[in-house]
PDB file of N, CA and C in Angstrom:
ATOM      1  N   MET A   1       0.861  -1.179  -0.024  1.00  0.00           N
ATOM      2  CA  MET A   1       0.017   0.001   0.022  1.00  0.00           C
ATOM      3  C   MET A   1       0.914   1.267   0.013  1.00  0.00           C
ATOM      4  N   ALA A   2       0.792   2.082  -1.044  1.00  0.00           N
ATOM      5  CA  ALA A   2       1.651   3.225  -1.159  1.00  0.00           C
ATOM      6  C   ALA A   2       0.995   4.466  -0.372  1.00  0.00           C
ATOM      7  N   HIS A   3       1.872   5.108   0.284  1.00  0.00           N
ATOM      8  CA  HIS A   3       1.451   6.269   1.041  1.00  0.00           C
ATOM      9  C   HIS A   3       1.738   7.489   0.227  1.00  0.00           C
ATOM     10  N   THR A   4       0.743   8.241  -0.053  1.00  0.00           N
ATOM     11  CA  THR A   4       0.970   9.476  -0.818  1.00  0.00           C
ATOM     12  C   THR A   4       0.436  10.693  -0.007  1.00  0.00           C
ATOM     13  N   LYS A   5       1.163  11.765  -0.188  1.00  0.00           N
ATOM     14  CA  LYS A   5       0.810  13.013   0.517  1.00  0.00           C
ATOM     15  C   LYS A   5      -0.146  13.764  -0.453  1.00  0.00           C
ATOM     16  N   ALA A   6      -1.076  14.455   0.176  1.00  0.00           N
ATOM     17  CA  ALA A   6      -1.964  15.313  -0.660  1.00  0.00           C
ATOM     18  C   ALA A   6      -1.116  16.494  -1.107  1.00  0.00           C
ATOM     19  N   LYS A   7      -1.294  16.755  -2.463  1.00  0.00           N
ATOM     20  CA  LYS A   7      -0.565  17.886  -3.017  1.00  0.00           C
ATOM     21  C   LYS A   7      -1.186  19.178  -2.573  1.00  0.00           C
ATOM     22  N   GLN A   8      -0.440  20.070  -2.031  1.00  0.00           N
ATOM     23  CA  GLN A   8      -0.955  21.342  -1.600  1.00  0.00           C
ATOM     24  C   GLN A   8      -0.882  22.323  -2.739  1.00  0.00           C
ATOM     25  N   SER A   9      -1.961  23.130  -2.846  1.00  0.00           N
ATOM     26  CA  SER A   9      -1.915  24.118  -3.881  1.00  0.00           C
ATOM     27  C   SER A   9      -1.156  25.311  -3.429  1.00  0.00           C
ATOM     28  N   ARG A  10      -0.675  25.988  -4.380  1.00  0.00           N
ATOM     29  CA  ARG A  10       0.118  27.218  -4.144  1.00  0.00           C
ATOM     30  C   ARG A  10      -0.809  28.323  -3.565  1.00  0.00           C
ATOM     31  N   PRO A  11      -0.250  29.123  -2.699  1.00  0.00           N
ATOM     32  CA  PRO A  11      -1.094  30.231  -2.212  1.00  0.00           C
ATOM     33  C   PRO A  11      -1.276  31.331  -3.296  1.00  0.00           C
ATOM     34  N   VAL A  12      -2.381  32.044  -3.196  1.00  0.00           N
ATOM     35  CA  VAL A  12      -2.659  33.049  -4.181  1.00  0.00           C
ATOM     36  C   VAL A  12      -1.865  34.288  -3.753  1.00  0.00           C
ATOM     37  N   ARG A  13      -1.164  34.930  -4.723  1.00  0.00           N
ATOM     38  CA  ARG A  13      -0.354  36.113  -4.542  1.00  0.00           C
ATOM     39  C   ARG A  13      -1.048  37.304  -5.239  1.00  0.00           C
ATOM     40  N   TYR A  14      -0.827  38.458  -4.722  1.00  0.00           N
ATOM     41  CA  TYR A  14      -1.475  39.651  -5.285  1.00  0.00           C
ATOM     42  C   TYR A  14      -0.321  40.605  -5.897  1.00  0.00           C
ATOM     43  N   PHE A  15      -0.644  41.180  -7.099  1.00  0.00           N
ATOM     44  CA  PHE A  15       0.380  41.952  -7.795  1.00  0.00           C
ATOM     45  C   PHE A  15      -0.292  43.291  -8.259  1.00  0.00           C
ATOM     46  N   ALA A  16       0.492  44.277  -8.264  1.00  0.00           N
ATOM     47  CA  ALA A  16       0.155  45.581  -8.807  1.00  0.00           C
ATOM     48  C   ALA A  16       1.179  45.939  -9.844  1.00  0.00           C
ATOM     49  N   VAL A  17       0.755  46.452 -10.998  1.00  0.00           N
ATOM     50  CA  VAL A  17       1.650  46.830 -12.063  1.00  0.00           C
ATOM     51  C   VAL A  17       1.521  48.261 -12.393  1.00  0.00           C
ATOM     52  N   THR A  18       2.612  48.940 -12.697  1.00  0.00           N
ATOM     53  CA  THR A  18       2.642  50.279 -13.141  1.00  0.00           C
ATOM     54  C   THR A  18       3.414  50.331 -14.482  1.00  0.00           C
ATOM     55  N   TYR A  19       2.814  51.062 -15.460  1.00  0.00           N
ATOM     56  CA  TYR A  19       3.520  51.158 -16.752  1.00  0.00           C
ATOM     57  C   TYR A  19       4.112  52.614 -16.902  1.00  0.00           C
ATOM     58  N   PHE A  20       5.222  52.687 -17.583  1.00  0.00           N
ATOM     59  CA  PHE A  20       5.922  53.982 -17.789  1.00  0.00           C
ATOM     60  C   PHE A  20       6.202  54.212 -19.248  1.00  0.00           C
ATOM     61  N   ASP A  21       6.123  55.547 -19.536  1.00  0.00           N
ATOM     62  CA  ASP A  21       6.535  56.058 -20.936  1.00  0.00           C
ATOM     63  C   ASP A  21       7.636  57.016 -20.588  1.00  0.00           C
ATOM     64  N   GLY A  22       8.902  56.523 -20.676  1.00  0.00           N
ATOM     65  CA  GLY A  22      10.047  57.344 -20.282  1.00  0.00           C
ATOM     66  C   GLY A  22      10.041  57.324 -18.757  1.00  0.00           C
ATOM     67  N   GLN A  23       9.915  58.614 -18.175  1.00  0.00           N
ATOM     68  CA  GLN A  23       9.856  58.702 -16.738  1.00  0.00           C
ATOM     69  C   GLN A  23       8.485  58.984 -16.250  1.00  0.00           C
ATOM     70  N   GLU A  24       7.516  59.075 -17.269  1.00  0.00           N
ATOM     71  CA  GLU A  24       6.106  59.414 -16.886  1.00  0.00           C
ATOM     72  C   GLU A  24       5.322  58.135 -16.587  1.00  0.00           C
ATOM     73  N   VAL A  25       4.541  58.199 -15.558  1.00  0.00           N
ATOM     74  CA  VAL A  25       3.686  57.040 -15.137  1.00  0.00           C
ATOM     75  C   VAL A  25       2.419  57.076 -16.062  1.00  0.00           C
ATOM     76  N   MET A  26       2.104  56.007 -16.619  1.00  0.00           N
ATOM     77  CA  MET A  26       0.943  55.924 -17.504  1.00  0.00           C
ATOM     78  C   MET A  26      -0.240  55.359 -16.742  1.00  0.00           C
ATOM     79  N   SER A  27      -1.424  55.921 -17.057  1.00  0.00           N
ATOM     80  CA  SER A  27      -2.641  55.417 -16.351  1.00  0.00           C
ATOM     81  C   SER A  27      -3.507  54.489 -17.319  1.00  0.00           C
ATOM     82  N   GLY A  28      -3.040  54.208 -18.524  1.00  0.00           N
ATOM     83  CA  GLY A  28      -3.867  53.497 -19.487  1.00  0.00           C
ATOM     84  C   GLY A  28      -3.766  52.029 -19.408  1.00  0.00           C
ATOM     85  N   GLY A  29      -3.123  51.434 -18.430  1.00  0.00           N
ATOM     86  CA  GLY A  29      -3.094  50.010 -18.256  1.00  0.00           C
ATOM     87  C   GLY A  29      -4.430  49.378 -18.080  1.00  0.00           C
ATOM     88  N   ARG A  30      -4.722  48.290 -18.706  1.00  0.00           N
ATOM     89  CA  ARG A  30      -6.095  47.674 -18.598  1.00  0.00           C
ATOM     90  C   ARG A  30      -6.304  47.081 -17.270  1.00  0.00           C
ATOM     91  N   GLN A  31      -5.291  46.494 -16.654  1.00  0.00           N
ATOM     92  CA  GLN A  31      -5.448  45.790 -15.405  1.00  0.00           C
ATOM     93  C   GLN A  31      -4.209  46.046 -14.514  1.00  0.00           C
ATOM     94  N   SER A  32      -4.488  46.898 -13.552  1.00  0.00           N
ATOM     95  CA  SER A  32      -3.363  47.346 -12.648  1.00  0.00           C
ATOM     96  C   SER A  32      -3.090  46.497 -11.490  1.00  0.00           C
ATOM     97  N   VAL A  33      -4.125  45.749 -11.042  1.00  0.00           N
ATOM     98  CA  VAL A  33      -3.943  44.850  -9.927  1.00  0.00           C
ATOM     99  C   VAL A  33      -4.596  43.461 -10.371  1.00  0.00           C
ATOM    100  N   PHE A  34      -4.020  42.419  -9.906  1.00  0.00           N
ATOM    101  CA  PHE A  34      -4.497  41.107 -10.257  1.00  0.00           C
ATOM    102  C   PHE A  34      -3.993  40.064  -9.344  1.00  0.00           C
ATOM    103  N   ARG A  35      -4.564  38.881  -9.373  1.00  0.00           N
ATOM    104  CA  ARG A  35      -4.075  37.715  -8.576  1.00  0.00           C
ATOM    105  C   ARG A  35      -3.409  36.706  -9.447  1.00  0.00           C
ATOM    106  N   SER A  36      -2.437  35.993  -8.856  1.00  0.00           N
ATOM    107  CA  SER A  36      -1.799  34.925  -9.579  1.00  0.00           C
ATOM    108  C   SER A  36      -1.143  34.023  -8.543  1.00  0.00           C
ATOM    109  N   LYS A  37      -0.976  32.749  -8.866  1.00  0.00           N
ATOM    110  CA  LYS A  37      -0.262  31.895  -7.946  1.00  0.00           C
ATOM    111  C   LYS A  37       1.183  31.836  -8.238  1.00  0.00           C
ATOM    112  N   ARG A  38       1.604  32.194  -9.452  1.00  0.00           N
ATOM    113  CA  ARG A  38       3.009  32.106  -9.828  1.00  0.00           C
ATOM    114  C   ARG A  38       3.502  33.457 -10.396  1.00  0.00           C
ATOM    115  N   LEU A  39       4.750  33.780 -10.037  1.00  0.00           N
ATOM    116  CA  LEU A  39       5.370  35.030 -10.558  1.00  0.00           C
ATOM    117  C   LEU A  39       5.488  35.003 -12.037  1.00  0.00           C
ATOM    118  N   PHE A  40       5.827  33.938 -12.668  1.00  0.00           N
ATOM    119  CA  PHE A  40       5.976  33.869 -14.121  1.00  0.00           C
ATOM    120  C   PHE A  40       4.661  34.238 -14.785  1.00  0.00           C
ATOM    121  N   ARG A  41       3.590  33.726 -14.298  1.00  0.00           N
ATOM    122  CA  ARG A  41       2.247  33.991 -14.847  1.00  0.00           C
ATOM    123  C   ARG A  41       1.863  35.532 -14.695  1.00  0.00           C
ATOM    124  N   ALA A  42       2.304  36.025 -13.520  1.00  0.00           N
ATOM    125  CA  ALA A  42       1.986  37.454 -13.241  1.00  0.00           C
ATOM    126  C   ALA A  42       2.758  38.408 -14.254  1.00  0.00           C
ATOM    127  N   LYS A  43       3.983  37.998 -14.473  1.00  0.00           N
ATOM    128  CA  LYS A  43       4.732  38.743 -15.475  1.00  0.00           C
ATOM    129  C   LYS A  43       4.138  38.723 -16.912  1.00  0.00           C
ATOM    130  N   ARG A  44       3.605  37.482 -17.242  1.00  0.00           N
ATOM    131  CA  ARG A  44       2.963  37.319 -18.504  1.00  0.00           C
ATOM    132  C   ARG A  44       1.702  38.121 -18.607  1.00  0.00           C
ATOM    133  N   ILE A  45       0.870  38.150 -17.533  1.00  0.00           N
ATOM    134  CA  ILE A  45      -0.318  38.939 -17.546  1.00  0.00           C
ATOM    135  C   ILE A  45       0.018  40.430 -17.687  1.00  0.00           C
ATOM    136  N   ALA A  46       0.990  40.860 -16.922  1.00  0.00           N
ATOM    137  CA  ALA A  46       1.405  42.317 -16.974  1.00  0.00           C
ATOM    138  C   ALA A  46       1.879  42.728 -18.361  1.00  0.00           C
ATOM    139  N   ARG A  47       2.682  41.853 -18.980  1.00  0.00           N
ATOM    140  CA  ARG A  47       3.211  42.149 -20.337  1.00  0.00           C
ATOM    141  C   ARG A  47       2.030  42.145 -21.339  1.00  0.00           C
ATOM    142  N   SER A  48       1.078  41.266 -21.249  1.00  0.00           N
ATOM    143  CA  SER A  48      -0.009  41.227 -22.175  1.00  0.00           C
ATOM    144  C   SER A  48      -0.969  42.413 -22.086  1.00  0.00           C
ATOM    145  N   ASN A  49      -1.016  43.063 -20.927  1.00  0.00           N
ATOM    146  CA  ASN A  49      -1.849  44.247 -20.660  1.00  0.00           C
ATOM    147  C   ASN A  49      -1.076  45.531 -20.902  1.00  0.00           C
ATOM    148  N   MET A  50       0.150  45.483 -21.253  1.00  0.00           N
ATOM    149  CA  MET A  50       1.070  46.640 -21.422  1.00  0.00           C
ATOM    150  C   MET A  50       0.563  47.420 -22.657  1.00  0.00           C
ATOM    151  N   PRO A  51       0.320  48.754 -22.422  1.00  0.00           N
ATOM    152  CA  PRO A  51      -0.011  49.558 -23.613  1.00  0.00           C
ATOM    153  C   PRO A  51       1.183  49.650 -24.589  1.00  0.00           C
ATOM    154  N   LEU A  52       0.813  49.872 -25.784  1.00  0.00           N
ATOM    155  CA  LEU A  52       1.834  49.894 -26.902  1.00  0.00           C
ATOM    156  C   LEU A  52       2.927  50.960 -26.782  1.00  0.00           C
ATOM    157  N   ASP A  53       2.508  52.101 -26.207  1.00  0.00           N
ATOM    158  CA  ASP A  53       3.422  53.173 -26.075  1.00  0.00           C
ATOM    159  C   ASP A  53       4.208  53.212 -24.804  1.00  0.00           C
ATOM    160  N   ALA A  54       4.075  52.150 -23.970  1.00  0.00           N
ATOM    161  CA  ALA A  54       4.840  52.085 -22.745  1.00  0.00           C
ATOM    162  C   ALA A  54       6.242  51.524 -23.000  1.00  0.00           C
ATOM    163  N   ASP A  55       7.193  52.084 -22.324  1.00  0.00           N
ATOM    164  CA  ASP A  55       8.630  51.687 -22.418  1.00  0.00           C
ATOM    165  C   ASP A  55       8.929  50.540 -21.519  1.00  0.00           C
ATOM    166  N   ARG A  56       8.399  50.536 -20.309  1.00  0.00           N
ATOM    167  CA  ARG A  56       8.705  49.541 -19.298  1.00  0.00           C
ATOM    168  C   ARG A  56       7.559  49.437 -18.339  1.00  0.00           C
ATOM    169  N   MET A  57       7.681  48.384 -17.409  1.00  0.00           N
ATOM    170  CA  MET A  57       6.690  48.166 -16.430  1.00  0.00           C
ATOM    171  C   MET A  57       7.346  47.882 -15.094  1.00  0.00           C
ATOM    172  N   GLU A  58       6.613  48.122 -14.008  1.00  0.00           N
ATOM    173  CA  GLU A  58       7.154  47.800 -12.664  1.00  0.00           C
ATOM    174  C   GLU A  58       6.081  46.878 -12.073  1.00  0.00           C
ATOM    175  N   LEU A  59       6.403  45.655 -11.659  1.00  0.00           N
ATOM    176  CA  LEU A  59       5.569  44.697 -11.089  1.00  0.00           C
ATOM    177  C   LEU A  59       5.920  44.531  -9.668  1.00  0.00           C
ATOM    178  N   VAL A  60       4.972  44.759  -8.705  1.00  0.00           N
ATOM    179  CA  VAL A  60       5.259  44.606  -7.255  1.00  0.00           C
ATOM    180  C   VAL A  60       4.183  43.647  -6.672  1.00  0.00           C
ATOM    181  N   GLU A  61       4.670  42.922  -5.657  1.00  0.00           N
ATOM    182  CA  GLU A  61       3.721  42.065  -4.952  1.00  0.00           C
ATOM    183  C   GLU A  61       3.140  42.816  -3.800  1.00  0.00           C
ATOM    184  N   ILE A  62       1.813  42.813  -3.656  1.00  0.00           N
ATOM    185  CA  ILE A  62       1.149  43.531  -2.595  1.00  0.00           C
ATOM    186  C   ILE A  62       0.384  42.546  -1.737  1.00  0.00           C
ATOM    187  N   ASN A  63      -0.071  42.965  -0.544  1.00  0.00           N
ATOM    188  CA  ASN A  63      -0.782  42.141   0.377  1.00  0.00           C
ATOM    189  C   ASN A  63      -2.276  42.116  -0.018  1.00  0.00           C
ATOM    190  N   GLY A  64      -3.062  41.225   0.497  1.00  0.00           N
ATOM    191  CA  GLY A  64      -4.450  41.037   0.166  1.00  0.00           C
ATOM    192  C   GLY A  64      -5.251  42.225   0.510  1.00  0.00           C
ATOM    193  N   ALA A  65      -5.007  42.941   1.564  1.00  0.00           N
ATOM    194  CA  ALA A  65      -5.764  44.108   1.970  1.00  0.00           C
ATOM    195  C   ALA A  65      -5.556  45.227   0.955  1.00  0.00           C
ATOM    196  N   ALA A  66      -4.330  45.466   0.494  1.00  0.00           N
ATOM    197  CA  ALA A  66      -4.091  46.487  -0.474  1.00  0.00           C
ATOM    198  C   ALA A  66      -4.772  46.112  -1.824  1.00  0.00           C
ATOM    199  N   TYR A  67      -4.790  44.853  -2.125  1.00  0.00           N
ATOM    200  CA  TYR A  67      -5.464  44.420  -3.345  1.00  0.00           C
ATOM    201  C   TYR A  67      -6.951  44.757  -3.277  1.00  0.00           C
ATOM    202  N   ASP A  68      -7.578  44.388  -2.176  1.00  0.00           N
ATOM    203  CA  ASP A  68      -9.026  44.682  -2.027  1.00  0.00           C
ATOM    204  C   ASP A  68      -9.286  46.177  -2.061  1.00  0.00           C
ATOM    205  N   GLU A  69      -8.431  46.954  -1.454  1.00  0.00           N
ATOM    206  CA  GLU A  69      -8.623  48.390  -1.473  1.00  0.00           C
ATOM    207  C   GLU A  69      -8.490  48.960  -2.862  1.00  0.00           C
ATOM    208  N   ARG A  70      -7.519  48.509  -3.625  1.00  0.00           N
ATOM    209  CA  ARG A  70      -7.356  49.067  -4.945  1.00  0.00           C
ATOM    210  C   ARG A  70      -8.455  48.605  -5.877  1.00  0.00           C
ATOM    211  N   ARG A  71      -8.929  47.344  -5.651  1.00  0.00           N
ATOM    212  CA  ARG A  71     -10.091  46.817  -6.494  1.00  0.00           C
ATOM    213  C   ARG A  71     -11.382  47.665  -6.231  1.00  0.00           C
ATOM    214  N   THR A  72     -11.625  47.908  -4.916  1.00  0.00           N
ATOM    215  CA  THR A  72     -12.909  48.629  -4.667  1.00  0.00           C
ATOM    216  C   THR A  72     -12.825  50.075  -5.193  1.00  0.00           C
ATOM    217  N   ALA A  73     -11.580  50.683  -5.087  1.00  0.00           N
ATOM    218  CA  ALA A  73     -11.452  52.028  -5.592  1.00  0.00           C
ATOM    219  C   ALA A  73     -11.606  52.052  -7.097  1.00  0.00           C
ATOM    220  N   TYR A  74     -11.110  51.020  -7.814  1.00  0.00           N
ATOM    221  CA  TYR A  74     -11.231  50.891  -9.274  1.00  0.00           C
ATOM    222  C   TYR A  74     -12.746  50.713  -9.623  1.00  0.00           C
ATOM    223  N   ARG A  75     -13.423  49.883  -8.893  1.00  0.00           N
ATOM    224  CA  ARG A  75     -14.898  49.666  -9.165  1.00  0.00           C
ATOM    225  C   ARG A  75     -15.753  50.896  -8.906  1.00  0.00           C
ATOM    226  N   ARG A  76     -15.337  51.604  -7.794  1.00  0.00           N
ATOM    227  CA  ARG A  76     -16.062  52.925  -7.501  1.00  0.00           C
ATOM    228  C   ARG A  76     -15.923  53.873  -8.651  1.00  0.00           C
ATOM    229  N   GLY A  77     -14.797  53.865  -9.340  1.00  0.00           N
ATOM    230  CA  GLY A  77     -14.574  54.788 -10.464  1.00  0.00           C
ATOM    231  C   GLY A  77     -15.543  54.550 -11.592  1.00  0.00           C
ATOM    232  N   PHE A  78     -16.082  53.336 -11.723  1.00  0.00           N
ATOM    233  CA  PHE A  78     -17.050  53.017 -12.789  1.00  0.00           C
ATOM    234  C   PHE A  78     -18.459  53.151 -12.277  1.00  0.00           C
ATOM    235  N   GLY A  79     -18.629  53.487 -10.984  1.00  0.00           N
ATOM    236  CA  GLY A  79     -19.955  53.673 -10.464  1.00  0.00           C
ATOM    237  C   GLY A  79     -20.784  52.403 -10.268  1.00  0.00           C
ATOM    238  N   GLN A  80     -20.102  51.300  -9.991  1.00  0.00           N
ATOM    239  CA  GLN A  80     -20.810  50.023  -9.772  1.00  0.00           C
ATOM    240  C   GLN A  80     -21.281  49.885  -8.407  1.00  0.00           C
TER     241      GLN A  80
END
């Protein structure tokens, strides 16, 4: 009888991304905060949402409370 351990899932991590055009911060990013379990996937999401005229991006990991705060502020901006 083989003993197997239950595979644990990775914890969800929260990320915020800022796009830059030269030294100017851009506000045209489609998705500035998002969740991902892996850093590689977070980078891919950030790159895919990068505006065409952006030179670079800055991806930072944030805590869950900051994520919720940014999400609700974003949704309030649309009047939902």
